[in-house]
Amino acid sequence: MEPAYIKDYSHFKQHVATLLHKAGWTVITAKSNQPGYDLVVKKGNLVGAVHLKWLRNNVAAPQLLKFANFLDSDEGKIFNFGLFITTKGFSGPALALIRSWGKDTKIRCGIAKENKLVGIDSADYEDKVHHNSIKPDKIYFGIFTCKGGVGKTTIAGHLAGAFALQGFNVALVDLDPEQNLQKLVGDGVFVPNSRGMGTTIEVFDGRDWHEDSARDCKIVICDCSPAIERNPTHLLEKFHYCIIPTTLNPLGINKHGKVIRDTVTEIRFINKNAHLFVLVNNFKNPGVQKLNLLKKVYFETYQDILKTDDKFHCIDPTEVCIRTSEQLYYWGIHILENPENPSSRLAFDLIGGRCYPRDDFINLADYIERKAGIGILRD
């Protein structure tokens, strides 16, 4: 029998308010039509917004991102901090997102228990999530399109970083003759973890790739050549997921649509089972009216594929995309300035406790898991 305090949202809200009051906070209930938060807490000069999530399952990364974006808005800036409190727990991607924000972030997250609020940085809780969620077999991702210059390598490297932040060792396999992966991330990246040994992103030349070379890597991400015949067929056949980058260019949507149609046709000739995701890269929001027009044409371009291929996913850029950001831009500039000294880091540095590339790529990993996951990111 479940405890009375999680019987429904009203009981949960009252329970959390009681716990905060016992901890010395003045608790004020937000207006019923107030978006963004449910309670306000005050103590001295501190004012915090409390967001409550009554759930039967774990919190997902997008739910955290929504609250984080509220705190960054003009309305949210009146608060010194935000508390995100839930009933059950946090998914693997959500935990990685919280850890990636660092100590300077305004958000603190917790789980409401019967007698106290528990922070999610409990070592026992995290160990349980990771041990239960990792599957023994390798999961293969392909980053592929029949066109160059759309950000395949940047996406491959940073998606690997998102998985590494979640506790996975990742193998990056460079199948492109240009070998841009080594230019971007050198021989690989080590991601430290204060609670364990840390994780690695290792880079392999496609000509030398063998699974035994990366026996401890659960995830393999292939940065493919735009000429499909240059990619080893035996690797393309292994793909569980394939990400097809594109841009939301007003004059290029139809042209990009033809490229993506060709891409889907070529992949499906070799691999019938992979989930294919069209991802908007380098996204700039042009405003509601223009964005709605672009999205309309964008989705219409792939309607026939969506109707006939149930494993083809055209991602709504307002839900998941890779945004244009200064962090990615200056990371690229650093690489151009140091061509003889490949970077051993990604564009994941925190600015004011946040990092948009980290958020976007963790959000992408979580989206893939929610739409077509095979259980590696959730308990």
Protein backbone atom coordinates (compact mmCIF):
# COMPACT_ATOMS: atom_id res chain seq x y z
CA MET A 1 0.00 0.00 0.00
CA GLU A 2 1.46 3.34 -1.06
CA PRO A 3 2.02 6.09 1.54
CA ALA A 4 -0.78 8.67 1.84
CA TYR A 5 1.55 11.55 0.90
CA ILE A 6 1.95 10.27 -2.68
CA LYS A 7 -1.70 9.30 -3.11
CA ASP A 8 -2.21 12.19 -5.54
CA TYR A 9 -0.75 15.59 -6.41
CA SER A 10 -2.67 17.50 -3.72
CA HIS A 11 -1.43 15.21 -0.93
CA PHE A 12 2.10 15.36 -2.34
CA LYS A 13 2.08 19.17 -2.50
CA GLN A 14 0.88 19.47 1.09
CA HIS A 15 3.49 16.94 2.26
CA VAL A 16 6.39 18.81 0.62
CA ALA A 17 5.13 22.13 2.01
CA THR A 18 5.06 20.58 5.50
CA LEU A 19 8.63 19.24 5.16
CA LEU A 20 9.91 22.64 3.99
CA HIS A 21 8.10 24.40 6.83
CA LYS A 22 9.71 22.03 9.36
CA ALA A 23 13.09 22.90 7.83
CA GLY A 24 12.53 26.56 8.71
CA TRP A 25 11.20 27.95 5.41
CA THR A 26 8.17 30.17 5.01
CA VAL A 27 6.07 28.42 2.36
CA ILE A 28 3.67 30.24 0.02
CA THR A 29 1.42 28.44 -2.46
CA ALA A 30 1.69 29.76 -6.02
CA LYS A 31 -1.39 30.89 -7.91
CA SER A 32 -3.28 28.03 -9.55
CA ASN A 33 -2.59 29.36 -13.05
CA GLN A 34 1.09 30.14 -12.35
CA PRO A 35 3.32 28.33 -14.88
CA GLY A 36 6.81 27.24 -13.89
CA TYR A 37 6.50 26.55 -10.16
CA ASP A 38 4.10 25.34 -7.46
CA LEU A 39 5.44 26.82 -4.20
CA VAL A 40 7.56 29.77 -3.11
CA VAL A 41 9.88 29.44 -0.11
CA LYS A 42 11.48 32.29 1.83
CA LYS A 43 14.11 32.49 4.55
CA GLY A 44 15.84 35.78 5.29
CA ASN A 45 16.89 37.32 1.98
CA LEU A 46 16.58 34.04 0.07
CA VAL A 47 13.59 33.37 -2.18
CA GLY A 48 13.18 30.08 -4.03
CA ALA A 49 10.76 28.58 -6.56
CA VAL A 50 9.68 24.99 -5.91
CA HIS A 51 8.59 22.81 -8.83
CA LEU A 52 6.75 19.61 -7.84
CA LYS A 53 6.54 16.55 -10.07
CA TRP A 54 4.08 13.89 -8.92
CA LEU A 55 5.08 10.86 -11.01
CA ARG A 56 4.76 7.08 -11.02
CA ASN A 57 8.11 6.80 -12.81
CA ASN A 58 11.44 8.63 -12.87
CA VAL A 59 11.88 12.25 -13.90
CA ALA A 60 13.13 12.62 -17.49
CA ALA A 61 15.76 15.14 -18.63
CA PRO A 62 13.31 17.35 -20.62
CA GLN A 63 11.24 17.93 -17.48
CA LEU A 64 14.33 19.28 -15.72
CA LEU A 65 15.30 21.40 -18.73
CA LYS A 66 11.87 23.05 -18.74
CA PHE A 67 12.32 24.18 -15.13
CA ALA A 68 15.92 25.26 -15.80
CA ASN A 69 14.76 27.40 -18.73
CA PHE A 70 12.06 28.97 -16.52
CA LEU A 71 14.71 29.98 -13.95
CA ASP A 72 16.73 31.55 -16.77
CA SER A 73 13.73 33.57 -17.97
CA ASP A 74 12.97 37.13 -16.87
CA GLU A 75 10.21 35.83 -14.59
CA GLY A 76 12.48 33.20 -13.05
CA LYS A 77 15.35 35.57 -12.35
CA ILE A 78 13.53 36.98 -9.33
CA PHE A 79 14.35 33.72 -7.50
CA ASN A 80 17.72 33.01 -5.88
CA PHE A 81 17.33 29.27 -6.52
CA GLY A 82 14.90 26.56 -7.58
CA LEU A 83 13.95 23.24 -5.97
CA PHE A 84 12.77 20.37 -8.19
CA ILE A 85 11.07 17.79 -5.96
CA THR A 86 9.58 14.51 -7.18
CA THR A 87 8.00 11.35 -5.78
CA LYS A 88 10.14 8.52 -7.15
CA GLY A 89 13.52 9.34 -8.67
CA PHE A 90 15.48 10.55 -11.72
CA SER A 91 16.36 8.72 -14.93
CA GLY A 92 19.98 8.15 -15.97
CA PRO A 93 19.94 11.06 -18.47
CA ALA A 94 18.34 13.32 -15.86
CA LEU A 95 21.06 12.46 -13.32
CA ALA A 96 23.74 13.15 -15.93
CA LEU A 97 22.13 16.50 -16.71
CA ILE A 98 22.09 17.45 -13.02
CA ARG A 99 25.75 16.49 -12.58
CA SER A 100 26.71 18.41 -15.73
CA TRP A 101 25.31 21.69 -14.37
CA GLY A 102 27.86 21.91 -11.58
CA LYS A 103 27.68 23.57 -8.18
CA ASP A 104 26.89 27.04 -9.54
CA THR A 105 23.51 26.08 -10.97
CA LYS A 106 20.39 27.57 -9.37
CA ILE A 107 18.61 24.19 -9.32
CA ARG A 108 18.66 21.66 -6.50
CA CYS A 109 16.82 18.37 -6.99
CA GLY A 110 15.40 15.92 -4.50
CA ILE A 111 12.95 13.15 -3.67
CA ALA A 112 10.24 13.56 -1.05
CA LYS A 113 10.31 10.76 1.51
CA GLU A 114 7.96 10.22 4.43
CA ASN A 115 9.99 12.25 6.93
CA LYS A 116 12.48 14.27 4.87
CA LEU A 117 13.62 15.53 1.48
CA VAL A 118 16.52 13.50 0.08
CA GLY A 119 19.04 14.99 -2.38
CA ILE A 120 19.63 12.92 -5.52
CA ASP A 121 23.42 12.89 -5.01
CA SER A 122 23.12 9.80 -2.82
CA ALA A 123 25.83 7.36 -3.93
CA ASP A 124 23.62 4.34 -3.25
CA TYR A 125 20.86 5.69 -5.49
CA GLU A 126 23.20 6.46 -8.39
CA ASP A 127 24.90 3.07 -8.18
CA LYS A 128 21.52 1.38 -8.41
CA VAL A 129 20.59 3.35 -11.51
CA HIS A 130 23.79 2.62 -13.39
CA HIS A 131 24.11 -1.04 -12.43
CA ASN A 132 20.56 -1.83 -13.40
CA SER A 133 20.46 0.14 -16.63
CA ILE A 134 23.58 -0.95 -18.53
CA LYS A 135 23.06 -3.87 -20.92
CA PRO A 136 25.89 -6.30 -21.73
CA ASP A 137 25.84 -5.94 -25.54
CA LYS A 138 27.25 -3.03 -27.51
CA ILE A 139 24.82 -0.44 -28.84
CA TYR A 140 25.71 0.98 -32.26
CA PHE A 141 24.95 4.50 -33.45
CA GLY A 142 25.64 5.80 -36.94
CA ILE A 143 25.87 9.52 -37.76
CA PHE A 144 25.27 9.56 -41.49
CA THR A 145 23.97 11.65 -44.34
CA CYS A 146 24.71 11.68 -48.07
CA LYS A 147 25.95 15.27 -47.73
CA GLY A 148 29.06 16.67 -46.07
CA GLY A 149 29.33 19.76 -43.91
CA VAL A 150 26.19 19.31 -41.79
CA GLY A 151 27.97 18.71 -38.48
CA LYS A 152 28.21 14.91 -38.41
CA THR A 153 31.54 14.84 -36.62
CA THR A 154 30.58 17.48 -34.07
CA ILE A 155 27.39 15.56 -33.30
CA ALA A 156 29.24 12.23 -33.06
CA GLY A 157 31.80 13.59 -30.60
CA HIS A 158 29.35 15.45 -28.38
CA LEU A 159 26.76 12.66 -28.33
CA ALA A 160 29.61 10.45 -27.10
CA GLY A 161 30.23 13.07 -24.42
CA ALA A 162 26.58 12.95 -23.35
CA PHE A 163 26.78 9.18 -22.90
CA ALA A 164 30.10 9.44 -21.06
CA LEU A 165 28.50 11.86 -18.59
CA GLN A 166 25.92 9.15 -17.92
CA GLY A 167 28.58 6.63 -16.96
CA PHE A 168 29.19 4.83 -20.27
CA ASN A 169 32.54 4.18 -21.91
CA VAL A 170 32.16 5.11 -25.59
CA ALA A 171 34.04 4.10 -28.74
CA LEU A 172 34.09 6.66 -31.57
CA VAL A 173 34.82 5.00 -34.91
CA ASP A 174 36.04 7.35 -37.65
CA LEU A 175 34.79 6.06 -41.01
CA ASP A 176 35.22 9.33 -42.91
CA PRO A 177 38.38 9.54 -45.08
CA GLU A 178 38.83 13.12 -43.83
CA GLN A 179 39.36 11.68 -40.31
CA ASN A 180 37.91 14.78 -38.68
CA LEU A 181 37.22 13.01 -35.39
CA GLN A 182 40.89 12.98 -34.50
CA LYS A 183 41.12 16.67 -35.42
CA LEU A 184 38.25 17.43 -33.04
CA VAL A 185 38.92 15.21 -30.03
CA GLY A 186 42.43 13.84 -30.53
CA ASP A 187 42.79 10.25 -29.36
CA GLY A 188 39.83 10.61 -27.03
CA VAL A 189 38.51 12.23 -23.86
CA PHE A 190 38.57 11.15 -20.24
CA VAL A 191 35.50 12.19 -18.23
CA PRO A 192 36.29 12.17 -14.49
CA ASN A 193 33.73 11.07 -11.93
CA SER A 194 34.19 11.94 -8.28
CA ARG A 195 32.26 8.82 -7.28
CA GLY A 196 34.13 6.28 -9.40
CA MET A 197 36.82 5.63 -11.97
CA GLY A 198 35.39 7.95 -14.61
CA THR A 199 34.60 7.10 -18.21
CA THR A 200 36.43 7.30 -21.52
CA ILE A 201 35.69 8.29 -25.10
CA GLU A 202 38.16 6.43 -27.29
CA VAL A 203 38.73 7.23 -30.98
CA PHE A 204 39.41 4.45 -33.47
CA ASP A 205 40.35 4.52 -37.14
CA GLY A 206 37.61 2.69 -39.03
CA ARG A 207 40.20 0.70 -40.98
CA ASP A 208 41.50 -0.79 -37.74
CA TRP A 209 38.24 -1.15 -35.82
CA HIS A 210 37.48 -4.38 -34.03
CA GLU A 211 35.11 -4.85 -31.10
CA ASP A 212 37.87 -6.44 -29.04
CA SER A 213 39.76 -3.14 -29.25
CA ALA A 214 37.12 -1.55 -27.03
CA ARG A 215 35.89 -4.39 -24.89
CA ASP A 216 34.77 -2.11 -22.04
CA CYS A 217 32.83 0.27 -24.33
CA LYS A 218 29.08 -0.29 -24.21
CA ILE A 219 28.31 2.30 -26.87
CA VAL A 220 29.88 2.57 -30.34
CA ILE A 221 29.28 5.73 -32.38
CA CYS A 222 30.34 5.71 -36.03
CA ASP A 223 31.11 8.98 -37.80
CA CYS A 224 30.26 7.83 -41.33
CA SER A 225 31.57 8.85 -44.71
CA PRO A 226 28.94 10.69 -46.81
CA ALA A 227 29.67 8.16 -49.59
CA ILE A 228 27.87 5.09 -48.29
CA GLU A 229 30.04 2.67 -50.27
CA ARG A 230 33.06 3.85 -48.22
CA ASN A 231 31.45 2.63 -44.99
CA PRO A 232 31.96 -1.05 -44.12
CA THR A 233 28.69 -2.89 -44.72
CA HIS A 234 29.19 -5.09 -41.66
CA LEU A 235 29.19 -1.96 -39.45
CA LEU A 236 26.14 -0.38 -41.14
CA GLU A 237 24.27 -3.63 -40.52
CA LYS A 238 24.96 -3.32 -36.77
CA PHE A 239 23.37 0.12 -36.33
CA HIS A 240 20.59 0.21 -33.76
CA TYR A 241 20.16 3.95 -34.30
CA CYS A 242 21.15 6.31 -37.09
CA ILE A 243 21.13 10.09 -36.70
CA ILE A 244 20.74 12.14 -39.88
CA PRO A 245 21.75 15.80 -39.31
CA THR A 246 20.16 18.61 -41.27
CA THR A 247 19.48 22.35 -40.93
CA LEU A 248 16.28 24.38 -40.91
CA ASN A 249 17.38 26.63 -43.74
CA PRO A 250 14.35 28.34 -45.38
CA LEU A 251 15.74 27.98 -48.92
CA GLY A 252 17.33 24.59 -48.33
CA ILE A 253 14.58 22.50 -46.75
CA ASN A 254 13.49 20.91 -50.04
CA LYS A 255 17.07 20.36 -51.17
CA HIS A 256 17.97 18.86 -47.81
CA GLY A 257 14.80 16.79 -48.05
CA LYS A 258 16.07 15.11 -51.21
CA VAL A 259 19.42 14.42 -49.53
CA ILE A 260 17.67 12.85 -46.55
CA ARG A 261 15.39 10.77 -48.79
CA ASP A 262 18.48 9.42 -50.55
CA THR A 263 20.10 8.82 -47.17
CA VAL A 264 17.11 6.82 -45.90
CA THR A 265 16.98 4.79 -49.11
CA GLU A 266 20.68 3.90 -48.92
CA ILE A 267 20.56 2.97 -45.24
CA ARG A 268 17.43 0.86 -45.67
CA PHE A 269 19.06 -1.05 -48.53
CA ILE A 270 21.57 -2.34 -45.96
CA ASN A 271 19.81 -2.04 -42.59
CA LYS A 272 16.05 -2.55 -42.29
CA ASN A 273 15.84 -2.39 -38.50
CA ALA A 274 17.71 0.71 -37.32
CA HIS A 275 15.71 3.62 -35.95
CA LEU A 276 16.45 6.69 -38.08
CA PHE A 277 16.32 10.18 -36.53
CA VAL A 278 16.41 13.42 -38.54
CA LEU A 279 18.01 16.02 -36.25
CA VAL A 280 18.11 19.79 -36.80
CA ASN A 281 21.63 21.08 -36.14
CA ASN A 282 22.82 24.69 -35.72
CA PHE A 283 19.28 25.77 -34.82
CA LYS A 284 18.35 29.44 -34.42
CA ASN A 285 14.81 30.24 -33.33
CA PRO A 286 13.40 32.78 -35.85
CA GLY A 287 10.27 33.52 -33.80
CA VAL A 288 6.93 31.77 -33.49
CA GLN A 289 5.37 32.67 -36.86
CA LYS A 290 8.43 31.93 -39.00
CA LEU A 291 9.24 28.80 -37.02
CA ASN A 292 5.72 27.41 -37.51
CA LEU A 293 6.08 27.95 -41.28
CA LEU A 294 9.48 26.25 -41.36
CA LYS A 295 8.23 23.32 -39.28
CA LYS A 296 5.20 22.87 -41.57
CA VAL A 297 7.39 22.55 -44.67
CA TYR A 298 9.95 20.47 -42.74
CA PHE A 299 7.41 17.83 -41.68
CA GLU A 300 5.57 17.83 -45.02
CA THR A 301 8.86 16.99 -46.75
CA TYR A 302 8.99 13.61 -44.98
CA GLN A 303 5.29 12.72 -44.76
CA ASP A 304 5.48 9.79 -47.17
CA ILE A 305 8.45 8.28 -45.31
CA LEU A 306 6.73 8.74 -41.95
CA LYS A 307 3.67 6.87 -43.27
CA THR A 308 5.62 3.87 -44.59
CA ASP A 309 8.56 3.53 -42.18
CA ASP A 310 7.57 3.18 -38.52
CA LYS A 311 11.22 3.47 -37.44
CA PHE A 312 11.77 6.83 -39.11
CA HIS A 313 11.58 9.77 -36.71
CA CYS A 314 11.54 13.41 -37.80
CA ILE A 315 12.46 15.26 -34.59
CA ASP A 316 10.53 18.44 -33.83
CA PRO A 317 13.28 21.07 -33.31
CA THR A 318 11.25 22.72 -30.53
CA GLU A 319 11.50 19.45 -28.62
CA VAL A 320 15.07 18.39 -29.42
CA CYS A 321 17.71 20.13 -31.54
CA ILE A 322 21.33 21.23 -31.39
CA ARG A 323 21.23 24.96 -30.88
CA THR A 324 23.70 27.48 -32.24
CA SER A 325 25.86 28.38 -29.26
CA GLU A 326 28.96 30.40 -28.48
CA GLN A 327 30.41 27.39 -26.65
CA LEU A 328 30.37 25.24 -29.80
CA TYR A 329 31.61 28.16 -31.89
CA TYR A 330 34.62 28.97 -29.72
CA TRP A 331 35.41 25.29 -29.29
CA GLY A 332 35.65 25.09 -33.10
CA ILE A 333 37.81 28.23 -33.24
CA HIS A 334 40.20 26.67 -30.69
CA ILE A 335 40.60 23.63 -32.95
CA LEU A 336 41.30 25.79 -36.01
CA GLU A 337 43.92 27.74 -34.06
CA ASN A 338 45.66 24.56 -32.91
CA PRO A 339 45.62 22.17 -35.90
CA GLU A 340 48.75 20.34 -34.73
CA ASN A 341 47.42 19.86 -31.22
CA PRO A 342 44.00 18.16 -31.39
CA SER A 343 41.64 19.02 -28.57
CA SER A 344 41.10 16.45 -25.85
CA ARG A 345 37.93 18.15 -24.63
CA LEU A 346 34.44 18.91 -25.83
CA ALA A 347 32.33 22.08 -25.77
CA PHE A 348 30.93 21.12 -22.38
CA ASP A 349 32.47 23.81 -20.17
CA LEU A 350 30.02 25.45 -17.80
CA ILE A 351 29.15 29.14 -18.03
CA GLY A 352 27.19 30.34 -15.01
CA GLY A 353 26.57 26.75 -14.02
CA ARG A 354 24.97 25.85 -17.38
CA CYS A 355 26.06 24.60 -20.78
CA TYR A 356 23.67 24.53 -23.73
CA PRO A 357 25.62 21.91 -25.73
CA ARG A 358 25.58 19.57 -22.72
CA ASP A 359 21.85 20.13 -22.27
CA ASP A 360 21.10 19.58 -25.97
CA PHE A 361 23.08 16.36 -26.36
CA ILE A 362 21.83 14.83 -23.11
CA ASN A 363 18.33 15.77 -24.24
CA LEU A 364 18.99 14.03 -27.59
CA ALA A 365 20.15 10.84 -25.84
CA ASP A 366 17.06 10.91 -23.65
CA TYR A 367 14.77 11.49 -26.65
CA ILE A 368 16.19 8.50 -28.51
CA GLU A 369 15.67 6.34 -25.45
CA ARG A 370 12.07 7.51 -25.00
CA LYS A 371 11.14 7.05 -28.67
CA ALA A 372 13.03 3.87 -29.52
CA GLY A 373 15.05 2.86 -26.50
CA ILE A 374 16.28 -0.64 -25.79
CA GLY A 375 16.81 -0.02 -22.13
CA ILE A 376 20.38 1.24 -21.71
CA LEU A 377 19.52 4.61 -20.15
CA ARG A 378 16.71 3.74 -17.76
CA ASP A 379 16.34 1.46 -14.80
